[in-house]
Protein backbone atom coordinates (compact mmCIF):
# COMPACT_ATOMS: atom_id res chain seq x y z
CA MET A 1 -2.21 86.32 -35.59
CA ARG A 2 -5.38 87.29 -37.46
CA ILE A 3 -8.72 85.59 -36.76
CA LEU A 4 -12.03 86.12 -38.58
CA ILE A 5 -15.37 85.24 -36.93
CA ALA A 6 -18.64 84.92 -38.86
CA ASP A 7 -21.95 84.60 -37.00
CA ASP A 8 -25.29 86.34 -37.43
CA HIS A 9 -25.70 86.89 -33.67
CA SER A 10 -23.67 89.80 -32.27
CA VAL A 11 -23.76 88.31 -28.76
CA VAL A 12 -22.13 85.12 -30.04
CA ARG A 13 -19.46 87.08 -31.92
CA LYS A 14 -18.63 89.11 -28.81
CA GLY A 15 -18.48 85.98 -26.67
CA LEU A 16 -16.14 84.18 -29.05
CA LYS A 17 -13.89 87.25 -29.30
CA GLN A 18 -13.67 87.47 -25.52
CA ILE A 19 -12.66 83.82 -25.21
CA LEU A 20 -9.99 84.22 -27.88
CA ILE A 21 -8.60 87.54 -26.62
CA GLU A 22 -8.01 86.05 -23.18
CA GLU A 23 -5.84 83.32 -24.71
CA PHE A 24 -4.36 85.29 -27.63
CA PRO A 25 -4.11 88.89 -26.33
CA SER A 26 -2.03 90.10 -29.28
CA ALA A 27 -4.34 88.62 -31.92
CA GLU A 28 -6.20 90.82 -34.38
CA ILE A 29 -9.81 89.60 -34.41
CA GLU A 30 -12.52 90.81 -36.79
CA ASP A 31 -16.12 89.67 -37.10
CA VAL A 32 -18.86 89.68 -39.74
CA PRO A 33 -22.60 88.85 -39.62
CA ASP A 34 -22.99 86.59 -42.66
CA ALA A 35 -21.30 84.31 -45.19
CA GLU A 36 -21.09 86.90 -47.97
CA GLU A 37 -19.18 89.33 -45.76
CA MET A 38 -16.96 86.49 -44.58
CA ILE A 39 -16.01 85.58 -48.15
CA LYS A 40 -15.27 89.24 -48.98
CA LYS A 41 -13.00 89.54 -45.93
CA VAL A 42 -11.19 86.31 -46.77
CA MET A 43 -10.58 87.48 -50.34
CA ASN A 44 -9.27 90.89 -49.29
CA ALA A 45 -6.87 90.03 -46.47
CA ASN A 46 -4.70 87.28 -45.02
CA TRP A 47 -6.06 85.27 -42.09
CA ASP A 48 -4.59 82.58 -39.87
CA VAL A 49 -7.92 80.99 -38.99
CA VAL A 50 -11.61 81.52 -39.83
CA ILE A 51 -14.41 80.59 -37.42
CA SER A 52 -17.82 80.35 -39.07
CA ASP A 53 -21.34 79.61 -37.95
CA MET A 54 -23.00 76.79 -39.90
CA SER A 55 -26.40 78.47 -40.35
CA MET A 56 -26.57 82.16 -41.26
CA PRO A 57 -29.02 84.24 -43.31
CA GLY A 58 -28.46 83.74 -47.04
CA ARG A 59 -25.63 81.38 -47.89
CA SER A 60 -24.77 78.72 -45.35
CA GLY A 61 -21.41 78.38 -43.67
CA LEU A 62 -20.97 75.08 -45.51
CA ASP A 63 -21.49 76.72 -48.88
CA ALA A 64 -19.05 79.51 -48.01
CA LEU A 65 -16.54 76.96 -46.75
CA GLN A 66 -16.48 75.22 -50.12
CA GLN A 67 -15.79 78.49 -51.94
CA ILE A 68 -13.05 79.49 -49.50
CA LYS A 69 -11.31 76.12 -49.74
CA GLN A 70 -11.26 76.29 -53.54
CA ILE A 71 -9.20 79.48 -53.38
CA TYR A 72 -7.32 79.03 -50.10
CA PRO A 73 -7.10 75.26 -49.53
CA ASP A 74 -4.66 75.65 -46.64
CA LEU A 75 -6.66 78.24 -44.66
CA PRO A 76 -7.98 76.59 -41.46
CA VAL A 77 -11.76 76.99 -41.10
CA LEU A 78 -13.57 75.97 -37.92
CA ILE A 79 -17.32 75.45 -38.20
CA LEU A 80 -19.60 76.22 -35.24
CA SER A 81 -23.21 75.09 -34.99
CA ILE A 82 -26.09 74.70 -32.57
CA HIS A 83 -26.76 71.33 -34.19
CA PRO A 84 -25.41 68.09 -32.68
CA GLU A 85 -22.07 66.88 -33.98
CA GLU A 86 -23.50 63.60 -35.22
CA HIS A 87 -25.58 65.41 -37.86
CA TYR A 88 -23.00 67.75 -39.36
CA ALA A 89 -19.43 67.05 -38.28
CA LEU A 90 -18.58 64.45 -40.93
CA ARG A 91 -20.12 66.53 -43.70
CA VAL A 92 -18.18 69.70 -42.87
CA LEU A 93 -14.92 67.82 -42.36
CA LYS A 94 -15.33 66.14 -45.75
CA ALA A 95 -16.03 69.57 -47.26
CA GLY A 96 -12.64 70.81 -46.05
CA ALA A 97 -13.24 72.25 -42.59
CA SER A 98 -10.44 71.90 -40.07
CA GLY A 99 -12.87 71.21 -37.24
CA TYR A 100 -16.44 71.25 -36.00
CA LEU A 101 -17.67 72.54 -32.64
CA SER A 102 -21.14 72.62 -31.19
CA LYS A 103 -21.84 76.04 -29.71
CA GLY A 104 -22.67 74.39 -26.42
CA SER A 105 -19.05 73.29 -26.02
CA ALA A 106 -17.36 76.31 -27.60
CA SER A 107 -16.46 77.96 -24.29
CA GLU A 108 -14.50 74.87 -23.23
CA GLU A 109 -13.11 73.73 -26.58
CA LEU A 110 -12.62 76.82 -28.78
CA VAL A 111 -9.08 77.72 -27.68
CA LYS A 112 -7.89 74.12 -27.97
CA ALA A 113 -9.53 73.85 -31.40
CA VAL A 114 -7.82 77.01 -32.66
CA GLN A 115 -4.45 75.87 -31.32
CA THR A 116 -4.90 72.50 -33.04
CA VAL A 117 -5.85 73.84 -36.48
CA LEU A 118 -3.04 76.41 -36.40
CA LEU A 119 -0.67 73.41 -36.28
CA GLY A 120 -2.22 72.13 -39.49
CA LYS A 121 -4.20 69.40 -37.76
CA LYS A 122 -7.92 68.59 -37.70
CA TYR A 123 -9.86 69.21 -34.51
CA ILE A 124 -12.50 66.62 -33.67
CA SER A 125 -14.17 65.62 -30.43
CA ALA A 126 -14.19 62.06 -29.13
CA ALA A 127 -17.78 61.67 -30.36
CA VAL A 128 -16.83 62.72 -33.89
CA ALA A 129 -13.79 60.44 -33.86
CA GLU A 130 -16.04 57.51 -33.03
CA LYS A 131 -18.43 58.40 -35.84
CA LEU A 132 -15.55 58.74 -38.28
CA ALA A 133 -14.45 55.24 -37.33
CA THR A 134 -17.87 53.85 -38.24
CA SER A 135 -18.52 56.05 -41.30
CA PHE A 136 -17.31 53.42 -43.71
CA SER A 137 -20.37 51.26 -43.23
CA SER A 138 -22.74 50.74 -46.15
CA ASP A 139 -25.07 53.50 -47.30
CA SER A 140 -28.06 51.40 -46.33
CA SER A 141 -27.33 52.07 -42.67
CA LYS A 142 -26.99 55.82 -43.12
CA PRO A 143 -29.72 58.40 -42.46
CA ALA A 144 -31.38 59.53 -45.69
CA HIS A 145 -29.87 63.04 -45.61
CA GLU A 146 -26.32 61.64 -45.59
CA LEU A 147 -26.91 60.37 -49.14
CA LEU A 148 -27.16 63.97 -50.37
CA SER A 149 -24.33 66.02 -51.81
CA ASP A 150 -23.38 69.18 -49.90
CA ARG A 151 -25.33 71.39 -52.31
CA GLU A 152 -28.35 69.09 -52.19
CA PHE A 153 -28.12 69.15 -48.40
CA ASP A 154 -28.21 72.96 -48.37
CA VAL A 155 -31.22 72.99 -50.70
CA MET A 156 -32.99 70.32 -48.65
CA LYS A 157 -32.63 72.35 -45.45
CA LEU A 158 -34.00 75.47 -47.13
CA LEU A 159 -36.95 73.55 -48.59
CA ALA A 160 -37.62 72.02 -45.19
CA ALA A 161 -37.54 75.51 -43.65
CA GLY A 162 -40.39 76.56 -45.97
CA LYS A 163 -38.42 78.41 -48.65
CA SER A 164 -39.77 78.30 -52.21
CA VAL A 165 -37.68 77.21 -55.18
CA SER A 166 -37.40 80.85 -56.31
CA ASP A 167 -36.38 81.96 -52.80
CA ILE A 168 -33.63 79.34 -52.72
CA ALA A 169 -32.44 80.29 -56.20
CA GLU A 170 -31.97 83.87 -55.03
CA ILE A 171 -30.26 82.87 -51.75
CA LEU A 172 -27.77 80.56 -53.46
CA SER A 173 -27.36 82.70 -56.62
CA LEU A 174 -28.49 79.84 -58.86
CA SER A 175 -31.24 79.54 -61.46
CA VAL A 176 -34.74 78.35 -60.61
CA THR A 177 -34.24 75.48 -63.05
CA THR A 178 -31.10 74.36 -61.22
CA ILE A 179 -32.85 74.43 -57.85
CA SER A 180 -35.77 72.47 -59.29
CA THR A 181 -33.30 69.85 -60.49
CA TYR A 182 -31.73 69.66 -57.04
CA ARG A 183 -35.18 69.31 -55.49
CA ALA A 184 -36.02 66.40 -57.79
CA ARG A 185 -32.76 64.65 -56.88
CA ILE A 186 -33.38 65.21 -53.18
CA MET A 187 -36.87 63.75 -53.35
CA THR A 188 -35.58 60.71 -55.21
CA LYS A 189 -32.62 60.05 -52.91
CA MET A 190 -34.68 60.52 -49.75
CA ASN A 191 -37.73 58.71 -51.13
CA MET A 192 -40.06 61.62 -50.38
CA LYS A 193 -42.81 63.33 -52.36
CA THR A 194 -43.55 66.72 -50.80
CA ASN A 195 -41.79 69.59 -49.05
CA SER A 196 -43.88 68.76 -45.99
CA ASP A 197 -42.22 65.35 -45.90
CA LEU A 198 -38.84 67.09 -45.88
CA THR A 199 -39.91 69.45 -43.10
CA LYS A 200 -41.14 66.59 -40.93
CA TYR A 201 -37.93 64.64 -41.53
CA ALA A 202 -35.68 67.65 -40.83
CA ILE A 203 -37.47 68.45 -37.56
CA GLU A 204 -37.37 64.84 -36.36
CA SER A 205 -33.66 64.64 -37.26
CA ASN A 206 -32.81 67.98 -35.55
CA LEU A 207 -31.56 69.44 -38.84
CA ILE A 208 -33.56 72.66 -38.53
């Protein structure tokens, strides 16, 4: 079995490898520090499961997930994040992830999650299952950021983190004009006027 881990913190990568090696001693496990390296590894070798951090320097794990799933739709990808499940789990599952784990529960749930996705199933916690059951309610009851597309969501987080339009264009390998268009859509959908509004919202919603 071959497992690929992507996380920008070496301590986290080592910890995840240790957990997995204890359960899968014969597994071949490699790790990379960012999304670009993860995509390169996925393109150049065969993997049984990929475990990716949500937030890494440069491209996000969500953005990388979408590219990977376009080429390898059956490759199981588990997303890890420090953010609460209620903010991200539905979004990453809809984007094609096989599961979502908060880093706080990874030590207890990682092995079970890997075993589950290797069987071709989705791994979700009880909390995520409950949210999935209520996700069909009207948009009017949803938080503003859930109205955004995945790309708009990525741009919104970067704007909220203080990145300029040109910075974001470089990070996401898109034109400044395209990012400006995304920004305009975000402001309209979220009924906001300034980047400071986005920053305040993102902090209050535990998105950054």
